[in-house]
Amino acid sequence: MPRKTPEAHRWHVAFDFLPPSVNHQYGRRGSQAYTERGAASVLEGISLLVAAQGFQFSIKARYSVRVLFTFPSDVFDLDNRVKPLMDSVFGARGDHRVYHLEADKEVYSGRERTELWIEEVG
């Protein structure tokens, strides 16, 4: 179980949209894969929203993360949203510092929302 840290090392961010899924994050031209422009913009926006809450990633820290996705219908996969979100918050080379990850899914007709709780645990 992660040890508790002072409030200064906890962050909560919520936004009324969903990160792109892994299925829609990348496109292909022949054998070359590329990040879709729209997906890259959304992920950059998420990174900026998290930073605006005072979160600064430290390669020396360990993190516990909880994510709550609210989907407009039950057809959306939970797991396909987690990886792009983690990459946008921690960077493609920093998400290995997440030692505890919890992801939940809610369904409310016509509503999209993402809530993210980050705690530094060591």
Protein backbone atom coordinates (compact mmCIF):
# COMPACT_ATOMS: atom_id res chain seq x y z
CA MET A 1 0.00 0.00 0.00
CA PRO A 2 1.43 3.41 -0.92
CA ARG A 3 2.34 5.62 2.00
CA LYS A 4 0.45 8.88 2.47
CA THR A 5 2.03 12.20 1.62
CA PRO A 6 1.17 15.81 2.52
CA GLU A 7 -1.64 17.55 0.58
CA ALA A 8 1.01 19.47 -1.34
CA HIS A 9 1.78 16.22 -3.18
CA ARG A 10 -1.78 15.49 -4.33
CA TRP A 11 -3.48 16.81 -7.43
CA HIS A 12 -7.01 16.55 -8.83
CA VAL A 13 -7.88 17.52 -12.39
CA ALA A 14 -11.24 17.22 -14.16
CA PHE A 15 -12.22 18.07 -17.70
CA ASP A 16 -15.37 17.58 -19.78
CA PHE A 17 -13.89 15.50 -22.56
CA LEU A 18 -12.19 12.14 -22.99
CA PRO A 19 -8.62 11.50 -24.09
CA PRO A 20 -8.29 9.79 -27.47
CA SER A 21 -8.27 6.01 -27.39
CA VAL A 22 -5.22 4.04 -28.45
CA ASN A 23 -7.28 2.98 -31.49
CA HIS A 24 -7.67 6.61 -32.64
CA GLN A 25 -4.39 8.10 -31.47
CA TYR A 26 -2.32 6.91 -34.42
CA GLY A 27 -2.74 6.88 -38.18
CA ARG A 28 -0.79 5.12 -40.92
CA ARG A 29 0.74 6.07 -44.23
CA GLY A 30 1.96 2.84 -45.73
CA SER A 31 4.29 1.30 -43.15
CA GLN A 32 4.80 4.59 -41.26
CA ALA A 33 2.76 5.26 -38.10
CA TYR A 34 2.13 8.83 -36.98
CA THR A 35 0.21 10.59 -34.22
CA GLU A 36 -3.09 11.98 -35.45
CA ARG A 37 -3.03 15.78 -35.31
CA GLY A 38 -6.30 16.00 -33.40
CA ALA A 39 -5.18 13.40 -30.86
CA ALA A 40 -1.85 15.16 -30.34
CA SER A 41 -3.66 18.47 -29.68
CA VAL A 42 -5.98 16.90 -27.12
CA LEU A 43 -3.10 15.18 -25.31
CA GLU A 44 -1.11 18.43 -25.23
CA GLY A 45 -4.17 20.17 -23.78
CA ILE A 46 -4.43 17.54 -21.05
CA SER A 47 -0.77 18.01 -20.22
CA LEU A 48 -1.31 21.77 -19.89
CA LEU A 49 -4.43 21.32 -17.71
CA VAL A 50 -2.55 19.04 -15.32
CA ALA A 51 0.43 21.41 -15.18
CA ALA A 52 -1.94 24.32 -14.43
CA GLN A 53 -2.95 22.48 -11.24
CA GLY A 54 0.69 22.64 -10.11
CA PHE A 55 1.75 19.13 -11.05
CA GLN A 56 5.38 18.80 -12.09
CA PHE A 57 6.60 15.33 -12.91
CA SER A 58 9.72 14.18 -11.06
CA ILE A 59 11.67 11.18 -12.30
CA LYS A 60 12.69 10.52 -8.68
CA ALA A 61 9.13 10.25 -7.34
CA ARG A 62 6.65 7.38 -7.35
CA TYR A 63 3.01 8.05 -8.13
CA SER A 64 -0.40 6.60 -7.43
CA VAL A 65 -3.05 7.49 -10.01
CA ARG A 66 -6.81 7.12 -10.06
CA VAL A 67 -8.79 7.83 -13.21
CA LEU A 68 -12.56 8.05 -13.63
CA PHE A 69 -13.86 8.16 -17.18
CA THR A 70 -17.50 9.08 -17.80
CA PHE A 71 -18.63 7.74 -21.16
CA PRO A 72 -21.80 8.71 -23.06
CA SER A 73 -22.59 5.02 -23.68
CA ASP A 74 -21.45 1.57 -22.62
CA VAL A 75 -19.69 0.73 -25.91
CA PHE A 76 -16.44 2.53 -25.00
CA ASP A 77 -13.43 0.55 -23.75
CA LEU A 78 -11.90 1.68 -20.49
CA ASP A 79 -8.38 0.38 -21.08
CA ASN A 80 -7.88 2.08 -24.48
CA ARG A 81 -8.04 5.52 -22.83
CA VAL A 82 -5.55 4.93 -20.02
CA LYS A 83 -2.27 4.71 -21.96
CA PRO A 84 -2.67 7.98 -23.94
CA LEU A 85 -3.73 9.76 -20.75
CA MET A 86 -0.72 8.48 -18.79
CA ASP A 87 1.62 9.45 -21.63
CA SER A 88 0.20 12.98 -21.73
CA VAL A 89 0.62 13.45 -17.96
CA PHE A 90 3.91 11.67 -17.33
CA GLY A 91 5.51 11.68 -20.77
CA ALA A 92 6.14 8.60 -22.85
CA ARG A 93 9.24 7.80 -20.79
CA GLY A 94 7.91 8.69 -17.35
CA ASP A 95 4.82 6.57 -16.82
CA HIS A 96 6.99 3.78 -15.41
CA ARG A 97 7.04 5.91 -12.23
CA VAL A 98 3.34 5.09 -11.68
CA TYR A 99 3.33 2.32 -9.06
CA HIS A 100 -0.42 2.17 -8.47
CA LEU A 101 -3.08 2.73 -11.13
CA GLU A 102 -6.83 2.51 -10.69
CA ALA A 103 -9.25 3.17 -13.54
CA ASP A 104 -13.04 3.29 -13.29
CA LYS A 105 -15.81 3.73 -15.84
CA GLU A 106 -19.20 5.40 -15.47
CA VAL A 107 -21.87 5.72 -18.14
CA TYR A 108 -24.15 8.75 -18.40
CA SER A 109 -26.03 9.31 -21.62
CA GLY A 110 -24.61 12.22 -23.60
CA ARG A 111 -21.84 13.07 -21.14
CA GLU A 112 -18.06 12.84 -21.47
CA ARG A 113 -15.77 13.60 -18.54
CA THR A 114 -12.35 12.63 -17.23
CA GLU A 115 -11.25 12.97 -13.62
CA LEU A 116 -7.69 12.33 -12.57
CA TRP A 117 -6.22 12.08 -9.09
CA ILE A 118 -2.43 11.97 -8.77
CA GLU A 119 -0.58 11.39 -5.51
CA GLU A 120 3.14 11.32 -4.94
CA VAL A 121 3.78 8.25 -2.80
CA GLY A 122 7.53 8.13 -2.46
